[in-house]
Amino acid sequence: MAFMTELLKKAVKRISDELSGREQDQIAEYLLRLIDEDDAQWDAAFAKSPEKLRRLADKALKAHRSGRTTVLDVEKL
């Protein structure tokens, strides 16, 4: 389920109300580039230490299977 926070709604509304289509596209391109760069950084970090990532995943699964985890409610963040 995708949702938009109130702050993001406010920013999008302001952008759409106050900026030209060209300026809106520039902001959209910038945000998409940031997301892509962030994804690439995470991919590179995980590629450098796949064994460590596997150990962390195993630890998380063990905690989950033993009932030591809870479901994340994004509405409460």
PDB file of N, CA and C in Angstrom:
ATOM      1  N   MET A   1       0.841  -1.165   0.000  1.00  0.00           N
ATOM      2  CA  MET A   1       0.000   0.000   0.000  1.00  0.00           C
ATOM      3  C   MET A   1       0.898   1.243   0.000  1.00  0.00           C
ATOM      4  N   ALA A   2       0.710   2.062  -0.972  1.00  0.00           N
ATOM      5  CA  ALA A   2       1.488   3.299  -1.045  1.00  0.00           C
ATOM      6  C   ALA A   2       0.675   4.434  -0.435  1.00  0.00           C
ATOM      7  N   PHE A   3       1.360   5.276   0.261  1.00  0.00           N
ATOM      8  CA  PHE A   3       0.698   6.456   0.804  1.00  0.00           C
ATOM      9  C   PHE A   3       1.668   7.619   0.740  1.00  0.00           C
ATOM     10  N   MET A   4       1.130   8.802   0.883  1.00  0.00           N
ATOM     11  CA  MET A   4       1.947   9.996   0.856  1.00  0.00           C
ATOM     12  C   MET A   4       1.762  10.714   2.188  1.00  0.00           C
ATOM     13  N   THR A   5       2.866  11.082   2.804  1.00  0.00           N
ATOM     14  CA  THR A   5       2.782  11.806   4.070  1.00  0.00           C
ATOM     15  C   THR A   5       2.189  13.194   3.839  1.00  0.00           C
ATOM     16  N   GLU A   6       1.735  13.784   4.907  1.00  0.00           N
ATOM     17  CA  GLU A   6       1.160  15.127   4.804  1.00  0.00           C
ATOM     18  C   GLU A   6       2.201  16.134   4.322  1.00  0.00           C
ATOM     19  N   LEU A   7       3.431  15.992   4.785  1.00  0.00           N
ATOM     20  CA  LEU A   7       4.482  16.910   4.369  1.00  0.00           C
ATOM     21  C   LEU A   7       4.760  16.777   2.873  1.00  0.00           C
ATOM     22  N   LEU A   8       4.802  15.539   2.383  1.00  0.00           N
ATOM     23  CA  LEU A   8       5.040  15.339   0.948  1.00  0.00           C
ATOM     24  C   LEU A   8       3.868  15.882   0.136  1.00  0.00           C
ATOM     25  N   LYS A   9       2.644  15.670   0.611  1.00  0.00           N
ATOM     26  CA  LYS A   9       1.472  16.228  -0.074  1.00  0.00           C
ATOM     27  C   LYS A   9       1.589  17.751  -0.173  1.00  0.00           C
ATOM     28  N   LYS A  10       1.999  18.375   0.928  1.00  0.00           N
ATOM     29  CA  LYS A  10       2.142  19.830   0.959  1.00  0.00           C
ATOM     30  C   LYS A  10       3.190  20.281  -0.061  1.00  0.00           C
ATOM     31  N   ALA A  11       4.321  19.577  -0.110  1.00  0.00           N
ATOM     32  CA  ALA A  11       5.390  19.932  -1.045  1.00  0.00           C
ATOM     33  C   ALA A  11       4.938  19.761  -2.489  1.00  0.00           C
ATOM     34  N   VAL A  12       4.270  18.659  -2.789  1.00  0.00           N
ATOM     35  CA  VAL A  12       3.804  18.399  -4.159  1.00  0.00           C
ATOM     36  C   VAL A  12       2.774  19.439  -4.572  1.00  0.00           C
ATOM     37  N   LYS A  13       1.864  19.764  -3.664  1.00  0.00           N
ATOM     38  CA  LYS A  13       0.850  20.776  -3.981  1.00  0.00           C
ATOM     39  C   LYS A  13       1.510  22.114  -4.272  1.00  0.00           C
ATOM     40  N   ARG A  14       2.452  22.493  -3.446  1.00  0.00           N
ATOM     41  CA  ARG A  14       3.127  23.782  -3.641  1.00  0.00           C
ATOM     42  C   ARG A  14       3.891  23.797  -4.962  1.00  0.00           C
ATOM     43  N   ILE A  15       4.569  22.707  -5.257  1.00  0.00           N
ATOM     44  CA  ILE A  15       5.306  22.608  -6.518  1.00  0.00           C
ATOM     45  C   ILE A  15       4.351  22.726  -7.695  1.00  0.00           C
ATOM     46  N   SER A  16       3.234  22.002  -7.635  1.00  0.00           N
ATOM     47  CA  SER A  16       2.295  22.019  -8.757  1.00  0.00           C
ATOM     48  C   SER A  16       1.576  23.360  -8.882  1.00  0.00           C
ATOM     49  N   ASP A  17       1.344  24.028  -7.763  1.00  0.00           N
ATOM     50  CA  ASP A  17       0.651  25.325  -7.790  1.00  0.00           C
ATOM     51  C   ASP A  17       1.550  26.478  -8.217  1.00  0.00           C
ATOM     52  N   GLU A  18       2.824  26.419  -7.846  1.00  0.00           N
ATOM     53  CA  GLU A  18       3.684  27.591  -7.996  1.00  0.00           C
ATOM     54  C   GLU A  18       4.729  27.505  -9.101  1.00  0.00           C
ATOM     55  N   LEU A  19       4.989  26.315  -9.600  1.00  0.00           N
ATOM     56  CA  LEU A  19       6.073  26.181 -10.570  1.00  0.00           C
ATOM     57  C   LEU A  19       5.555  25.812 -11.952  1.00  0.00           C
ATOM     58  N   SER A  20       6.311  26.223 -12.952  1.00  0.00           N
ATOM     59  CA  SER A  20       5.965  25.869 -14.336  1.00  0.00           C
ATOM     60  C   SER A  20       6.186  24.377 -14.560  1.00  0.00           C
ATOM     61  N   GLY A  21       5.666  23.878 -15.651  1.00  0.00           N
ATOM     62  CA  GLY A  21       5.862  22.473 -15.999  1.00  0.00           C
ATOM     63  C   GLY A  21       7.331  22.122 -16.128  1.00  0.00           C
ATOM     64  N   ARG A  22       8.107  23.036 -16.699  1.00  0.00           N
ATOM     65  CA  ARG A  22       9.551  22.801 -16.862  1.00  0.00           C
ATOM     66  C   ARG A  22      10.229  22.686 -15.499  1.00  0.00           C
ATOM     67  N   GLU A  23       9.867  23.576 -14.591  1.00  0.00           N
ATOM     68  CA  GLU A  23      10.463  23.540 -13.248  1.00  0.00           C
ATOM     69  C   GLU A  23      10.024  22.279 -12.493  1.00  0.00           C
ATOM     70  N   GLN A  24       8.782  21.891 -12.667  1.00  0.00           N
ATOM     71  CA  GLN A  24       8.296  20.659 -12.038  1.00  0.00           C
ATOM     72  C   GLN A  24       9.089  19.459 -12.551  1.00  0.00           C
ATOM     73  N   ASP A  25       9.316  19.419 -13.859  1.00  0.00           N
ATOM     74  CA  ASP A  25      10.091  18.311 -14.438  1.00  0.00           C
ATOM     75  C   ASP A  25      11.520  18.299 -13.905  1.00  0.00           C
ATOM     76  N   GLN A  26      12.113  19.479 -13.722  1.00  0.00           N
ATOM     77  CA  GLN A  26      13.475  19.545 -13.185  1.00  0.00           C
ATOM     78  C   GLN A  26      13.523  18.981 -11.763  1.00  0.00           C
ATOM     79  N   ILE A  27      12.539  19.320 -10.950  1.00  0.00           N
ATOM     80  CA  ILE A  27      12.489  18.784  -9.588  1.00  0.00           C
ATOM     81  C   ILE A  27      12.288  17.280  -9.622  1.00  0.00           C
ATOM     82  N   ALA A  28      11.387  16.814 -10.481  1.00  0.00           N
ATOM     83  CA  ALA A  28      11.132  15.374 -10.592  1.00  0.00           C
ATOM     84  C   ALA A  28      12.397  14.631 -11.026  1.00  0.00           C
ATOM     85  N   GLU A  29      13.105  15.166 -12.010  1.00  0.00           N
ATOM     86  CA  GLU A  29      14.354  14.540 -12.463  1.00  0.00           C
ATOM     87  C   GLU A  29      15.378  14.491 -11.337  1.00  0.00           C
ATOM     88  N   TYR A  30      15.476  15.578 -10.583  1.00  0.00           N
ATOM     89  CA  TYR A  30      16.412  15.639  -9.463  1.00  0.00           C
ATOM     90  C   TYR A  30      16.076  14.581  -8.410  1.00  0.00           C
ATOM     91  N   LEU A  31      14.806  14.486  -8.039  1.00  0.00           N
ATOM     92  CA  LEU A  31      14.402  13.499  -7.033  1.00  0.00           C
ATOM     93  C   LEU A  31      14.643  12.073  -7.513  1.00  0.00           C
ATOM     94  N   LEU A  32      14.314  11.796  -8.761  1.00  0.00           N
ATOM     95  CA  LEU A  32      14.538  10.454  -9.305  1.00  0.00           C
ATOM     96  C   LEU A  32      16.031  10.118  -9.342  1.00  0.00           C
ATOM     97  N   ARG A  33      16.842  11.099  -9.673  1.00  0.00           N
ATOM     98  CA  ARG A  33      18.295  10.890  -9.681  1.00  0.00           C
ATOM     99  C   ARG A  33      18.794  10.583  -8.265  1.00  0.00           C
ATOM    100  N   LEU A  34      18.284  11.307  -7.268  1.00  0.00           N
ATOM    101  CA  LEU A  34      18.670  11.036  -5.876  1.00  0.00           C
ATOM    102  C   LEU A  34      18.308   9.612  -5.471  1.00  0.00           C
ATOM    103  N   ILE A  35      17.110   9.192  -5.836  1.00  0.00           N
ATOM    104  CA  ILE A  35      16.665   7.836  -5.504  1.00  0.00           C
ATOM    105  C   ILE A  35      17.566   6.802  -6.176  1.00  0.00           C
ATOM    106  N   ASP A  36      17.850   7.005  -7.455  1.00  0.00           N
ATOM    107  CA  ASP A  36      18.713   6.069  -8.188  1.00  0.00           C
ATOM    108  C   ASP A  36      20.114   6.019  -7.587  1.00  0.00           C
ATOM    109  N   GLU A  37      20.663   7.178  -7.215  1.00  0.00           N
ATOM    110  CA  GLU A  37      21.997   7.218  -6.615  1.00  0.00           C
ATOM    111  C   GLU A  37      22.007   6.508  -5.263  1.00  0.00           C
ATOM    112  N   ASP A  38      20.958   6.704  -4.486  1.00  0.00           N
ATOM    113  CA  ASP A  38      20.855   6.043  -3.188  1.00  0.00           C
ATOM    114  C   ASP A  38      20.786   4.527  -3.367  1.00  0.00           C
ATOM    115  N   ASP A  39      19.971   4.080  -4.322  1.00  0.00           N
ATOM    116  CA  ASP A  39      19.881   2.641  -4.611  1.00  0.00           C
ATOM    117  C   ASP A  39      21.239   2.083  -5.016  1.00  0.00           C
ATOM    118  N   ALA A  40      21.958   2.823  -5.853  1.00  0.00           N
ATOM    119  CA  ALA A  40      23.273   2.365  -6.315  1.00  0.00           C
ATOM    120  C   ALA A  40      24.258   2.277  -5.153  1.00  0.00           C
ATOM    121  N   GLN A  41      24.184   3.234  -4.228  1.00  0.00           N
ATOM    122  CA  GLN A  41      25.079   3.193  -3.069  1.00  0.00           C
ATOM    123  C   GLN A  41      24.787   1.972  -2.200  1.00  0.00           C
ATOM    124  N   TRP A  42      23.511   1.675  -1.984  1.00  0.00           N
ATOM    125  CA  TRP A  42      23.167   0.483  -1.193  1.00  0.00           C
ATOM    126  C   TRP A  42      23.627  -0.784  -1.903  1.00  0.00           C
ATOM    127  N   ASP A  43      23.395  -0.858  -3.219  1.00  0.00           N
ATOM    128  CA  ASP A  43      23.835  -2.028  -3.982  1.00  0.00           C
ATOM    129  C   ASP A  43      25.345  -2.221  -3.863  1.00  0.00           C
ATOM    130  N   ALA A  44      26.096  -1.135  -3.969  1.00  0.00           N
ATOM    131  CA  ALA A  44      27.558  -1.225  -3.872  1.00  0.00           C
ATOM    132  C   ALA A  44      27.982  -1.664  -2.474  1.00  0.00           C
ATOM    133  N   ALA A  45      27.323  -1.132  -1.453  1.00  0.00           N
ATOM    134  CA  ALA A  45      27.669  -1.508  -0.080  1.00  0.00           C
ATOM    135  C   ALA A  45      27.396  -2.987   0.165  1.00  0.00           C
ATOM    136  N   PHE A  46      26.256  -3.472  -0.323  1.00  0.00           N
ATOM    137  CA  PHE A  46      25.925  -4.887  -0.134  1.00  0.00           C
ATOM    138  C   PHE A  46      26.851  -5.785  -0.945  1.00  0.00           C
ATOM    139  N   ALA A  47      27.254  -5.343  -2.120  1.00  0.00           N
ATOM    140  CA  ALA A  47      28.153  -6.140  -2.956  1.00  0.00           C
ATOM    141  C   ALA A  47      29.533  -6.289  -2.321  1.00  0.00           C
ATOM    142  N   LYS A  48      29.942  -5.296  -1.518  1.00  0.00           N
ATOM    143  CA  LYS A  48      31.250  -5.351  -0.873  1.00  0.00           C
ATOM    144  C   LYS A  48      31.291  -6.362   0.269  1.00  0.00           C
ATOM    145  N   SER A  49      30.128  -6.661   0.844  1.00  0.00           N
ATOM    146  CA  SER A  49      30.128  -7.537   2.014  1.00  0.00           C
ATOM    147  C   SER A  49      28.929  -8.494   2.005  1.00  0.00           C
ATOM    148  N   PRO A  50      28.845  -9.356   0.982  1.00  0.00           N
ATOM    149  CA  PRO A  50      27.693 -10.254   0.910  1.00  0.00           C
ATOM    150  C   PRO A  50      27.625 -11.229   2.089  1.00  0.00           C
ATOM    151  N   GLU A  51      28.765 -11.629   2.606  1.00  0.00           N
ATOM    152  CA  GLU A  51      28.771 -12.564   3.740  1.00  0.00           C
ATOM    153  C   GLU A  51      28.190 -11.894   4.986  1.00  0.00           C
ATOM    154  N   LYS A  52      28.574 -10.659   5.220  1.00  0.00           N
ATOM    155  CA  LYS A  52      28.032  -9.932   6.364  1.00  0.00           C
ATOM    156  C   LYS A  52      26.527  -9.741   6.208  1.00  0.00           C
ATOM    157  N   LEU A  53      26.082  -9.414   5.011  1.00  0.00           N
ATOM    158  CA  LEU A  53      24.648  -9.248   4.755  1.00  0.00           C
ATOM    159  C   LEU A  53      23.910 -10.561   5.001  1.00  0.00           C
ATOM    160  N   ARG A  54      24.504 -11.675   4.573  1.00  0.00           N
ATOM    161  CA  ARG A  54      23.863 -12.974   4.791  1.00  0.00           C
ATOM    162  C   ARG A  54      23.754 -13.279   6.276  1.00  0.00           C
ATOM    163  N   ARG A  55      24.810 -12.970   7.043  1.00  0.00           N
ATOM    164  CA  ARG A  55      24.756 -13.195   8.492  1.00  0.00           C
ATOM    165  C   ARG A  55      23.674 -12.343   9.158  1.00  0.00           C
ATOM    166  N   LEU A  56      23.572 -11.089   8.729  1.00  0.00           N
ATOM    167  CA  LEU A  56      22.528 -10.217   9.276  1.00  0.00           C
ATOM    168  C   LEU A  56      21.130 -10.730   8.928  1.00  0.00           C
ATOM    169  N   ALA A  57      20.966 -11.190   7.700  1.00  0.00           N
ATOM    170  CA  ALA A  57      19.671 -11.745   7.288  1.00  0.00           C
ATOM    171  C   ALA A  57      19.342 -12.989   8.099  1.00  0.00           C
ATOM    172  N   ASP A  58      20.327 -13.863   8.298  1.00  0.00           N
ATOM    173  CA  ASP A  58      20.111 -15.074   9.105  1.00  0.00           C
ATOM    174  C   ASP A  58      19.721 -14.714  10.534  1.00  0.00           C
ATOM    175  N   LYS A  59      20.386 -13.710  11.090  1.00  0.00           N
ATOM    176  CA  LYS A  59      20.078 -13.267  12.450  1.00  0.00           C
ATOM    177  C   LYS A  59      18.652 -12.715  12.523  1.00  0.00           C
ATOM    178  N   ALA A  60      18.257 -11.928  11.533  1.00  0.00           N
ATOM    179  CA  ALA A  60      16.903 -11.363  11.511  1.00  0.00           C
ATOM    180  C   ALA A  60      15.851 -12.463  11.375  1.00  0.00           C
ATOM    181  N   LEU A  61      16.106 -13.435  10.524  1.00  0.00           N
ATOM    182  CA  LEU A  61      15.161 -14.547  10.363  1.00  0.00           C
ATOM    183  C   LEU A  61      15.042 -15.364  11.646  1.00  0.00           C
ATOM    184  N   LYS A  62      16.156 -15.582  12.316  1.00  0.00           N
ATOM    185  CA  LYS A  62      16.132 -16.315  13.579  1.00  0.00           C
ATOM    186  C   LYS A  62      15.302 -15.564  14.619  1.00  0.00           C
ATOM    187  N   ALA A  63      15.490 -14.251  14.697  1.00  0.00           N
ATOM    188  CA  ALA A  63      14.705 -13.443  15.638  1.00  0.00           C
ATOM    189  C   ALA A  63      13.220 -13.506  15.295  1.00  0.00           C
ATOM    190  N   HIS A  64      12.901 -13.443  14.017  1.00  0.00           N
ATOM    191  CA  HIS A  64      11.501 -13.500  13.591  1.00  0.00           C
ATOM    192  C   HIS A  64      10.876 -14.852  13.925  1.00  0.00           C
ATOM    193  N   ARG A  65      11.599 -15.910  13.617  1.00  0.00           N
ATOM    194  CA  ARG A  65      11.067 -17.259  13.867  1.00  0.00           C
ATOM    195  C   ARG A  65      10.888 -17.542  15.349  1.00  0.00           C
ATOM    196  N   SER A  66      11.673 -16.877  16.197  1.00  0.00           N
ATOM    197  CA  SER A  66      11.552 -17.111  17.638  1.00  0.00           C
ATOM    198  C   SER A  66      10.548 -16.148  18.282  1.00  0.00           C
ATOM    199  N   GLY A  67       9.861 -15.351  17.452  1.00  0.00           N
ATOM    200  CA  GLY A  67       8.820 -14.468  17.966  1.00  0.00           C
ATOM    201  C   GLY A  67       9.318 -13.176  18.580  1.00  0.00           C
ATOM    202  N   ARG A  68      10.551 -12.805  18.288  1.00  0.00           N
ATOM    203  CA  ARG A  68      11.109 -11.587  18.879  1.00  0.00           C
ATOM    204  C   ARG A  68      10.981 -10.369  17.972  1.00  0.00           C
ATOM    205  N   THR A  69      10.106 -10.436  16.972  1.00  0.00           N
ATOM    206  CA  THR A  69       9.897  -9.307  16.086  1.00  0.00           C
ATOM    207  C   THR A  69       8.420  -8.919  16.100  1.00  0.00           C
ATOM    208  N   THR A  70       8.145  -7.727  15.630  1.00  0.00           N
ATOM    209  CA  THR A  70       6.769  -7.270  15.515  1.00  0.00           C
ATOM    210  C   THR A  70       6.548  -6.688  14.118  1.00  0.00           C
ATOM    211  N   VAL A  71       5.303  -6.650  13.709  1.00  0.00           N
ATOM    212  CA  VAL A  71       4.957  -6.089  12.409  1.00  0.00           C
ATOM    213  C   VAL A  71       5.102  -4.561  12.477  1.00  0.00           C
ATOM    214  N   LEU A  72       5.720  -3.996  11.475  1.00  0.00           N
ATOM    215  CA  LEU A  72       5.901  -2.551  11.417  1.00  0.00           C
ATOM    216  C   LEU A  72       4.629  -1.909  10.902  1.00  0.00           C
ATOM    217  N   ASP A  73       4.080  -1.013  11.688  1.00  0.00           N
ATOM    218  CA  ASP A  73       2.891  -0.263  11.283  1.00  0.00           C
ATOM    219  C   ASP A  73       3.352   1.104  10.810  1.00  0.00           C
ATOM    220  N   VAL A  74       3.413   1.284   9.485  1.00  0.00           N
ATOM    221  CA  VAL A  74       3.938   2.531   8.935  1.00  0.00           C
ATOM    222  C   VAL A  74       3.053   3.728   9.283  1.00  0.00           C
ATOM    223  N   GLU A  75       1.815   3.482   9.629  1.00  0.00           N
ATOM    224  CA  GLU A  75       0.925   4.581  10.020  1.00  0.00           C
ATOM    225  C   GLU A  75       1.352   5.182  11.346  1.00  0.00           C
ATOM    226  N   LYS A  76       2.097   4.437  12.154  1.00  0.00           N
ATOM    227  CA  LYS A  76       2.516   4.920  13.456  1.00  0.00           C
ATOM    228  C   LYS A  76       3.918   5.534  13.441  1.00  0.00           C
ATOM    229  N   LEU A  77       4.539   5.583  12.301  1.00  0.00           N
ATOM    230  CA  LEU A  77       5.880   6.173  12.207  1.00  0.00           C
ATOM    231  C   LEU A  77       5.829   7.679  12.346  1.00  0.00           C
TER     232      LEU A  77
END
